[in-house]
Amino acid sequence: PYLTVRADGKVGVNTAIPQTALDVRGMARVYTSSSTPCTKDIEGAIAYDPRIQHFLGCNAVEWRRLDN
């Protein structure tokens, strides 16, 4: 199965039995554009900015680097 959506809302990508809200078997890719504002609506979002080659986290106010 490529995509599974269970009745309890759990989503699996390349897995038929997702154990968490989003369960991905294999690599996942996340990235953002510089125009994506960090707001309360996306608080907790994680992104990768290829321009600076760092992972970022949104704290509802600003994007902050998550790695060194």
N, C-alpha and C. Protein backbone atom coordinates (compact mmCIF):
# COMPACT_ATOMS: atom_id res chain seq x y z
N PRO A 1 0.83 -1.20 0.00
CA PRO A 1 0.00 0.00 0.00
C PRO A 1 0.87 1.26 0.00
N TYR A 2 0.48 2.22 -0.77
CA TYR A 2 1.21 3.46 -0.83
C TYR A 2 0.70 4.46 0.20
N LEU A 3 -0.60 4.48 0.42
CA LEU A 3 -1.20 5.40 1.38
C LEU A 3 -2.36 4.71 2.09
N THR A 4 -2.33 4.77 3.41
CA THR A 4 -3.39 4.18 4.22
C THR A 4 -3.95 5.27 5.12
N VAL A 5 -5.26 5.38 5.15
CA VAL A 5 -5.92 6.30 6.08
C VAL A 5 -6.89 5.46 6.90
N ARG A 6 -6.62 5.38 8.20
CA ARG A 6 -7.45 4.56 9.07
C ARG A 6 -8.64 5.36 9.60
N ALA A 7 -9.63 4.67 10.08
CA ALA A 7 -10.83 5.31 10.62
C ALA A 7 -10.51 6.19 11.83
N ASP A 8 -9.43 5.86 12.56
CA ASP A 8 -9.06 6.67 13.73
C ASP A 8 -8.22 7.90 13.35
N GLY A 9 -8.01 8.11 12.04
CA GLY A 9 -7.30 9.29 11.58
C GLY A 9 -5.82 9.09 11.35
N LYS A 10 -5.26 7.94 11.69
CA LYS A 10 -3.84 7.69 11.48
C LYS A 10 -3.59 7.47 9.99
N VAL A 11 -2.50 8.06 9.51
CA VAL A 11 -2.14 7.98 8.10
C VAL A 11 -0.82 7.25 7.95
N GLY A 12 -0.77 6.30 7.04
CA GLY A 12 0.45 5.57 6.77
C GLY A 12 0.90 5.77 5.33
N VAL A 13 2.17 6.04 5.16
CA VAL A 13 2.76 6.12 3.83
C VAL A 13 3.70 4.94 3.70
N ASN A 14 3.42 4.09 2.76
CA ASN A 14 4.16 2.83 2.55
C ASN A 14 4.05 1.88 3.73
N THR A 15 3.01 2.00 4.52
CA THR A 15 2.72 1.05 5.58
C THR A 15 1.21 0.90 5.71
N ALA A 16 0.75 -0.33 5.84
CA ALA A 16 -0.68 -0.59 5.93
C ALA A 16 -1.21 -0.42 7.35
N ILE A 17 -0.31 -0.40 8.34
CA ILE A 17 -0.74 -0.33 9.74
C ILE A 17 -0.02 0.82 10.45
N PRO A 18 -0.44 2.07 10.20
CA PRO A 18 0.22 3.19 10.87
C PRO A 18 0.00 3.14 12.38
N GLN A 19 1.06 3.40 13.13
CA GLN A 19 1.01 3.34 14.59
C GLN A 19 0.90 4.74 15.23
N THR A 20 1.16 5.78 14.45
CA THR A 20 1.10 7.15 14.95
C THR A 20 0.28 7.99 13.98
N ALA A 21 0.06 9.26 14.31
CA ALA A 21 -0.75 10.13 13.47
C ALA A 21 -0.25 10.13 12.02
N LEU A 22 1.07 10.19 11.84
CA LEU A 22 1.67 10.07 10.52
C LEU A 22 2.83 9.10 10.63
N ASP A 23 2.72 7.99 9.96
CA ASP A 23 3.72 6.93 10.01
C ASP A 23 4.27 6.72 8.61
N VAL A 24 5.54 7.04 8.42
CA VAL A 24 6.16 6.96 7.09
C VAL A 24 7.22 5.87 7.10
N ARG A 25 7.09 4.92 6.21
CA ARG A 25 8.12 3.89 6.04
C ARG A 25 8.96 4.32 4.84
N GLY A 26 10.19 4.69 5.12
CA GLY A 26 11.06 5.22 4.08
C GLY A 26 11.43 6.65 4.43
N MET A 27 12.03 7.33 3.49
CA MET A 27 12.46 8.71 3.74
C MET A 27 11.29 9.68 3.55
N ALA A 28 11.33 10.74 4.32
CA ALA A 28 10.36 11.82 4.15
C ALA A 28 11.14 13.09 3.85
N ARG A 29 10.58 13.97 3.07
CA ARG A 29 11.25 15.22 2.73
C ARG A 29 10.38 16.38 3.17
N VAL A 30 10.97 17.28 3.93
CA VAL A 30 10.27 18.49 4.34
C VAL A 30 11.11 19.69 3.95
N TYR A 31 10.46 20.72 3.50
CA TYR A 31 11.18 21.95 3.16
C TYR A 31 10.18 23.09 3.16
N THR A 32 10.69 24.28 3.18
CA THR A 32 9.85 25.46 3.18
C THR A 32 10.44 26.49 2.24
N SER A 33 9.63 27.45 1.90
CA SER A 33 10.15 28.59 1.15
C SER A 33 10.29 29.76 2.12
N SER A 34 11.10 30.71 1.78
CA SER A 34 11.31 31.85 2.68
C SER A 34 10.04 32.67 2.87
N SER A 35 9.04 32.44 2.02
CA SER A 35 7.80 33.21 2.13
C SER A 35 6.77 32.57 3.06
N THR A 36 7.10 31.43 3.65
CA THR A 36 6.16 30.77 4.56
C THR A 36 6.28 31.40 5.93
N PRO A 37 5.27 32.18 6.36
CA PRO A 37 5.37 32.83 7.67
C PRO A 37 5.13 31.84 8.82
N CYS A 38 5.86 32.03 9.90
CA CYS A 38 5.67 31.23 11.10
C CYS A 38 4.60 31.92 11.94
N THR A 39 3.46 31.28 12.06
CA THR A 39 2.35 31.86 12.82
C THR A 39 1.80 30.81 13.78
N LYS A 40 0.89 31.24 14.63
CA LYS A 40 0.26 30.33 15.59
C LYS A 40 -0.44 29.18 14.87
N ASP A 41 -0.93 29.44 13.66
CA ASP A 41 -1.64 28.41 12.89
C ASP A 41 -0.76 27.21 12.54
N ILE A 42 0.56 27.42 12.42
CA ILE A 42 1.44 26.31 12.07
C ILE A 42 2.47 26.04 13.16
N GLU A 43 2.21 26.50 14.36
CA GLU A 43 3.12 26.26 15.50
C GLU A 43 3.44 24.77 15.60
N GLY A 44 4.72 24.45 15.76
CA GLY A 44 5.16 23.06 15.83
C GLY A 44 5.59 22.49 14.50
N ALA A 45 5.43 23.26 13.42
CA ALA A 45 5.84 22.79 12.10
C ALA A 45 7.36 22.67 12.03
N ILE A 46 7.82 21.70 11.28
CA ILE A 46 9.25 21.49 11.04
C ILE A 46 9.48 21.61 9.54
N ALA A 47 10.54 22.29 9.17
CA ALA A 47 10.85 22.47 7.76
C ALA A 47 12.35 22.41 7.56
N TYR A 48 12.75 22.26 6.33
CA TYR A 48 14.17 22.30 5.97
C TYR A 48 14.34 23.43 4.96
N ASP A 49 15.30 24.29 5.20
CA ASP A 49 15.56 25.40 4.29
C ASP A 49 16.84 25.08 3.52
N PRO A 50 16.73 24.72 2.24
CA PRO A 50 17.91 24.34 1.48
C PRO A 50 18.87 25.51 1.24
N ARG A 51 18.40 26.72 1.35
CA ARG A 51 19.29 27.87 1.14
C ARG A 51 20.38 27.93 2.21
N ILE A 52 20.00 27.64 3.47
CA ILE A 52 20.96 27.70 4.58
C ILE A 52 21.34 26.30 5.07
N GLN A 53 20.70 25.28 4.51
CA GLN A 53 20.96 23.87 4.81
C GLN A 53 20.81 23.57 6.30
N HIS A 54 19.65 23.96 6.86
CA HIS A 54 19.35 23.69 8.27
C HIS A 54 17.86 23.37 8.43
N PHE A 55 17.56 22.56 9.45
CA PHE A 55 16.19 22.31 9.83
C PHE A 55 15.70 23.46 10.70
N LEU A 56 14.43 23.80 10.55
CA LEU A 56 13.83 24.90 11.28
C LEU A 56 12.56 24.43 11.97
N GLY A 57 12.23 25.06 13.08
CA GLY A 57 10.99 24.80 13.79
C GLY A 57 10.24 26.09 14.01
N CYS A 58 8.93 26.04 13.88
CA CYS A 58 8.09 27.23 14.08
C CYS A 58 7.57 27.23 15.51
N ASN A 59 7.84 28.31 16.25
CA ASN A 59 7.39 28.44 17.64
C ASN A 59 6.19 29.38 17.77
N ALA A 60 5.47 29.59 16.68
CA ALA A 60 4.29 30.46 16.58
C ALA A 60 4.67 31.91 16.34
N VAL A 61 5.95 32.25 16.46
CA VAL A 61 6.40 33.62 16.25
C VAL A 61 7.45 33.71 15.16
N GLU A 62 8.43 32.77 15.21
CA GLU A 62 9.51 32.81 14.24
C GLU A 62 10.04 31.41 13.98
N TRP A 63 10.69 31.26 12.81
CA TRP A 63 11.39 30.02 12.50
C TRP A 63 12.73 30.04 13.21
N ARG A 64 13.07 28.96 13.93
CA ARG A 64 14.33 28.86 14.66
C ARG A 64 15.05 27.60 14.22
N ARG A 65 16.36 27.69 14.12
CA ARG A 65 17.15 26.52 13.74
C ARG A 65 17.03 25.44 14.79
N LEU A 66 16.89 24.20 14.34
CA LEU A 66 16.78 23.06 15.24
C LEU A 66 18.08 22.29 15.36
N ASP A 67 19.01 22.55 14.46
CA ASP A 67 20.28 21.86 14.48
C ASP A 67 21.40 22.87 14.65
N ASN A 68 22.60 22.38 14.84
CA ASN A 68 23.74 23.28 15.02
C ASN A 68 24.04 23.94 13.72
